[in-house]
Amino acid sequence: MNVIIYLLPLALGLGLIGLFAFLWALKSGQYGDVDGAALRVLSDDDLEK
């Protein structure tokens, strides 16, 4: 039962760190262009003509 004293705050802290990291990624524009990477994979710019 004593392990809950350590694991509960640790789990809450890691969850909050993950939440803040996700919110930071949203604010900094990491998810701004979700279709651009999918379309860049399909382009043939590196092929010689």
PDB file of N, CA and C in Angstrom:
ATOM      1  N   MET A   1       0.823  -1.200   0.000  1.00  0.00           N
ATOM      2  CA  MET A   1       0.000   0.000   0.000  1.00  0.00           C
ATOM      3  C   MET A   1       0.866   1.262   0.000  1.00  0.00           C
ATOM      4  N   ASN A   2       2.068   1.145   0.528  1.00  0.00           N
ATOM      5  CA  ASN A   2       2.958   2.308   0.551  1.00  0.00           C
ATOM      6  C   ASN A   2       3.443   2.697  -0.839  1.00  0.00           C
ATOM      7  N   VAL A   3       3.418   1.745  -1.768  1.00  0.00           N
ATOM      8  CA  VAL A   3       3.902   2.050  -3.116  1.00  0.00           C
ATOM      9  C   VAL A   3       2.966   3.028  -3.828  1.00  0.00           C
ATOM     10  N   ILE A   4       1.692   3.047  -3.438  1.00  0.00           N
ATOM     11  CA  ILE A   4       0.745   3.996  -4.042  1.00  0.00           C
ATOM     12  C   ILE A   4       1.155   5.433  -3.745  1.00  0.00           C
ATOM     13  N   ILE A   5       1.765   5.647  -2.612  1.00  0.00           N
ATOM     14  CA  ILE A   5       2.211   6.994  -2.240  1.00  0.00           C
ATOM     15  C   ILE A   5       3.244   7.514  -3.243  1.00  0.00           C
ATOM     16  N   TYR A   6       4.035   6.595  -3.798  1.00  0.00           N
ATOM     17  CA  TYR A   6       5.053   6.999  -4.776  1.00  0.00           C
ATOM     18  C   TYR A   6       4.535   6.956  -6.210  1.00  0.00           C
ATOM     19  N   LEU A   7       3.744   5.941  -6.529  1.00  0.00           N
ATOM     20  CA  LEU A   7       3.335   5.759  -7.918  1.00  0.00           C
ATOM     21  C   LEU A   7       2.237   6.713  -8.358  1.00  0.00           C
ATOM     22  N   LEU A   8       1.335   7.067  -7.495  1.00  0.00           N
ATOM     23  CA  LEU A   8       0.252   7.973  -7.879  1.00  0.00           C
ATOM     24  C   LEU A   8       0.767   9.359  -8.258  1.00  0.00           C
ATOM     25  N   PRO A   9       1.604  10.004  -7.450  1.00  0.00           N
ATOM     26  CA  PRO A   9       2.140  11.301  -7.900  1.00  0.00           C
ATOM     27  C   PRO A   9       3.040  11.182  -9.129  1.00  0.00           C
ATOM     28  N   LEU A  10       3.769  10.065  -9.236  1.00  0.00           N
ATOM     29  CA  LEU A  10       4.614   9.870 -10.414  1.00  0.00           C
ATOM     30  C   LEU A  10       3.767   9.739 -11.675  1.00  0.00           C
ATOM     31  N   ALA A  11       2.677   8.987 -11.602  1.00  0.00           N
ATOM     32  CA  ALA A  11       1.802   8.833 -12.762  1.00  0.00           C
ATOM     33  C   ALA A  11       1.126  10.152 -13.121  1.00  0.00           C
ATOM     34  N   LEU A  12       0.671  10.885 -12.124  1.00  0.00           N
ATOM     35  CA  LEU A  12       0.060  12.183 -12.398  1.00  0.00           C
ATOM     36  C   LEU A  12       1.068  13.160 -12.991  1.00  0.00           C
ATOM     37  N   GLY A  13       2.283  13.154 -12.478  1.00  0.00           N
ATOM     38  CA  GLY A  13       3.318  14.045 -13.006  1.00  0.00           C
ATOM     39  C   GLY A  13       3.677  13.717 -14.442  1.00  0.00           C
ATOM     40  N   LEU A  14       3.817  12.426 -14.753  1.00  0.00           N
ATOM     41  CA  LEU A  14       4.133  12.049 -16.132  1.00  0.00           C
ATOM     42  C   LEU A  14       2.977  12.364 -17.073  1.00  0.00           C
ATOM     43  N   GLY A  15       1.764  12.203 -16.592  1.00  0.00           N
ATOM     44  CA  GLY A  15       0.610  12.567 -17.414  1.00  0.00           C
ATOM     45  C   GLY A  15       0.556  14.051 -17.698  1.00  0.00           C
ATOM     46  N   LEU A  16       0.854  14.854 -16.696  1.00  0.00           N
ATOM     47  CA  LEU A  16       0.869  16.306 -16.902  1.00  0.00           C
ATOM     48  C   LEU A  16       1.996  16.734 -17.828  1.00  0.00           C
ATOM     49  N   ILE A  17       3.146  16.084 -17.711  1.00  0.00           N
ATOM     50  CA  ILE A  17       4.256  16.394 -18.619  1.00  0.00           C
ATOM     51  C   ILE A  17       3.860  16.065 -20.058  1.00  0.00           C
ATOM     52  N   GLY A  18       3.214  14.920 -20.264  1.00  0.00           N
ATOM     53  CA  GLY A  18       2.750  14.556 -21.605  1.00  0.00           C
ATOM     54  C   GLY A  18       1.708  15.526 -22.138  1.00  0.00           C
ATOM     55  N   LEU A  19       0.806  15.963 -21.271  1.00  0.00           N
ATOM     56  CA  LEU A  19      -0.215  16.928 -21.686  1.00  0.00           C
ATOM     57  C   LEU A  19       0.410  18.260 -22.080  1.00  0.00           C
ATOM     58  N   PHE A  20       1.352  18.752 -21.276  1.00  0.00           N
ATOM     59  CA  PHE A  20       2.017  20.013 -21.608  1.00  0.00           C
ATOM     60  C   PHE A  20       2.850  19.898 -22.879  1.00  0.00           C
ATOM     61  N   ALA A  21       3.476  18.746 -23.104  1.00  0.00           N
ATOM     62  CA  ALA A  21       4.244  18.553 -24.335  1.00  0.00           C
ATOM     63  C   ALA A  21       3.322  18.560 -25.552  1.00  0.00           C
ATOM     64  N   PHE A  22       2.154  17.939 -25.426  1.00  0.00           N
ATOM     65  CA  PHE A  22       1.194  17.932 -26.523  1.00  0.00           C
ATOM     66  C   PHE A  22       0.660  19.331 -26.795  1.00  0.00           C
ATOM     67  N   LEU A  23       0.336  20.066 -25.739  1.00  0.00           N
ATOM     68  CA  LEU A  23      -0.164  21.433 -25.921  1.00  0.00           C
ATOM     69  C   LEU A  23       0.907  22.337 -26.518  1.00  0.00           C
ATOM     70  N   TRP A  24       2.162  22.148 -26.121  1.00  0.00           N
ATOM     71  CA  TRP A  24       3.258  22.919 -26.704  1.00  0.00           C
ATOM     72  C   TRP A  24       3.401  22.605 -28.195  1.00  0.00           C
ATOM     73  N   ALA A  25       3.261  21.324 -28.555  1.00  0.00           N
ATOM     74  CA  ALA A  25       3.375  20.944 -29.965  1.00  0.00           C
ATOM     75  C   ALA A  25       2.240  21.568 -30.781  1.00  0.00           C
ATOM     76  N   LEU A  26       1.052  21.618 -30.219  1.00  0.00           N
ATOM     77  CA  LEU A  26      -0.054  22.267 -30.920  1.00  0.00           C
ATOM     78  C   LEU A  26       0.200  23.754 -31.092  1.00  0.00           C
ATOM     79  N   LYS A  27       0.688  24.402 -30.041  1.00  0.00           N
ATOM     80  CA  LYS A  27       0.903  25.851 -30.083  1.00  0.00           C
ATOM     81  C   LYS A  27       2.033  26.232 -31.031  1.00  0.00           C
ATOM     82  N   SER A  28       3.058  25.386 -31.134  1.00  0.00           N
ATOM     83  CA  SER A  28       4.200  25.731 -31.972  1.00  0.00           C
ATOM     84  C   SER A  28       4.010  25.339 -33.437  1.00  0.00           C
ATOM     85  N   GLY A  29       2.852  24.767 -33.769  1.00  0.00           N
ATOM     86  CA  GLY A  29       2.558  24.489 -35.172  1.00  0.00           C
ATOM     87  C   GLY A  29       3.065  23.153 -35.680  1.00  0.00           C
ATOM     88  N   GLN A  30       3.320  22.210 -34.816  1.00  0.00           N
ATOM     89  CA  GLN A  30       3.806  20.911 -35.258  1.00  0.00           C
ATOM     90  C   GLN A  30       2.767  20.157 -36.080  1.00  0.00           C
ATOM     91  N   TYR A  31       1.493  20.418 -35.836  1.00  0.00           N
ATOM     92  CA  TYR A  31       0.426  19.738 -36.552  1.00  0.00           C
ATOM     93  C   TYR A  31      -0.246  20.666 -37.557  1.00  0.00           C
ATOM     94  N   GLY A  32       0.448  21.679 -38.014  1.00  0.00           N
ATOM     95  CA  GLY A  32      -0.146  22.653 -38.914  1.00  0.00           C
ATOM     96  C   GLY A  32      -0.361  22.141 -40.320  1.00  0.00           C
ATOM     97  N   ASP A  33       0.524  21.307 -40.824  1.00  0.00           N
ATOM     98  CA  ASP A  33       0.449  20.824 -42.201  1.00  0.00           C
ATOM     99  C   ASP A  33       0.467  19.300 -42.193  1.00  0.00           C
ATOM    100  N   VAL A  34      -0.660  18.700 -41.894  1.00  0.00           N
ATOM    101  CA  VAL A  34      -0.689  17.242 -41.795  1.00  0.00           C
ATOM    102  C   VAL A  34      -0.742  16.573 -43.167  1.00  0.00           C
ATOM    103  N   ASP A  35      -1.227  17.251 -44.200  1.00  0.00           N
ATOM    104  CA  ASP A  35      -1.297  16.658 -45.530  1.00  0.00           C
ATOM    105  C   ASP A  35      -0.015  16.865 -46.332  1.00  0.00           C
ATOM    106  N   GLY A  36       0.814  17.798 -45.934  1.00  0.00           N
ATOM    107  CA  GLY A  36       2.025  18.086 -46.694  1.00  0.00           C
ATOM    108  C   GLY A  36       3.006  16.934 -46.708  1.00  0.00           C
ATOM    109  N   ALA A  37       3.208  16.285 -45.577  1.00  0.00           N
ATOM    110  CA  ALA A  37       4.141  15.168 -45.527  1.00  0.00           C
ATOM    111  C   ALA A  37       3.638  13.989 -46.345  1.00  0.00           C
ATOM    112  N   ALA A  38       2.338  13.766 -46.335  1.00  0.00           N
ATOM    113  CA  ALA A  38       1.774  12.662 -47.120  1.00  0.00           C
ATOM    114  C   ALA A  38       1.952  12.908 -48.610  1.00  0.00           C
ATOM    115  N   LEU A  39       1.842  14.145 -49.026  1.00  0.00           N
ATOM    116  CA  LEU A  39       2.003  14.450 -50.455  1.00  0.00           C
ATOM    117  C   LEU A  39       3.480  14.493 -50.856  1.00  0.00           C
ATOM    118  N   ARG A  40       4.365  14.860 -49.952  1.00  0.00           N
ATOM    119  CA  ARG A  40       5.797  14.876 -50.270  1.00  0.00           C
ATOM    120  C   ARG A  40       6.331  13.479 -50.504  1.00  0.00           C
ATOM    121  N   VAL A  41       5.757  12.477 -49.867  1.00  0.00           N
ATOM    122  CA  VAL A  41       6.192  11.101 -50.074  1.00  0.00           C
ATOM    123  C   VAL A  41       5.911  10.668 -51.509  1.00  0.00           C
ATOM    124  N   LEU A  42       4.836  11.163 -52.084  1.00  0.00           N
ATOM    125  CA  LEU A  42       4.427  10.743 -53.416  1.00  0.00           C
ATOM    126  C   LEU A  42       5.125  11.490 -54.535  1.00  0.00           C
ATOM    127  N   SER A  43       5.798  12.591 -54.249  1.00  0.00           N
ATOM    128  CA  SER A  43       6.429  13.364 -55.312  1.00  0.00           C
ATOM    129  C   SER A  43       7.705  12.682 -55.803  1.00  0.00           C
ATOM    130  N   ASP A  44       7.991  12.834 -57.082  1.00  0.00           N
ATOM    131  CA  ASP A  44       9.165  12.221 -57.705  1.00  0.00           C
ATOM    132  C   ASP A  44      10.222  13.260 -58.015  1.00  0.00           C
ATOM    133  N   ASP A  45      10.504  14.146 -57.116  1.00  0.00           N
ATOM    134  CA  ASP A  45      11.485  15.198 -57.359  1.00  0.00           C
ATOM    135  C   ASP A  45      12.910  14.678 -57.429  1.00  0.00           C
ATOM    136  N   ASP A  46      13.203  13.559 -56.808  1.00  0.00           N
ATOM    137  CA  ASP A  46      14.576  13.074 -56.752  1.00  0.00           C
ATOM    138  C   ASP A  46      14.957  12.216 -57.971  1.00  0.00           C
ATOM    139  N   LEU A  47      14.025  11.927 -58.858  1.00  0.00           N
ATOM    140  CA  LEU A  47      14.328  11.128 -60.033  1.00  0.00           C
ATOM    141  C   LEU A  47      14.952  11.995 -61.116  1.00  0.00           C
ATOM    142  N   GLU A  48      15.924  11.410 -61.826  1.00  0.00           N
ATOM    143  CA  GLU A  48      16.558  12.121 -62.933  1.00  0.00           C
ATOM    144  C   GLU A  48      15.664  12.015 -64.164  1.00  0.00           C
ATOM    145  N   LYS A  49      15.599  13.095 -64.913  1.00  0.00           N
ATOM    146  CA  LYS A  49      14.764  13.103 -66.123  1.00  0.00           C
ATOM    147  C   LYS A  49      15.577  12.828 -67.349  1.00  0.00           C
TER     148      LYS A  49
END
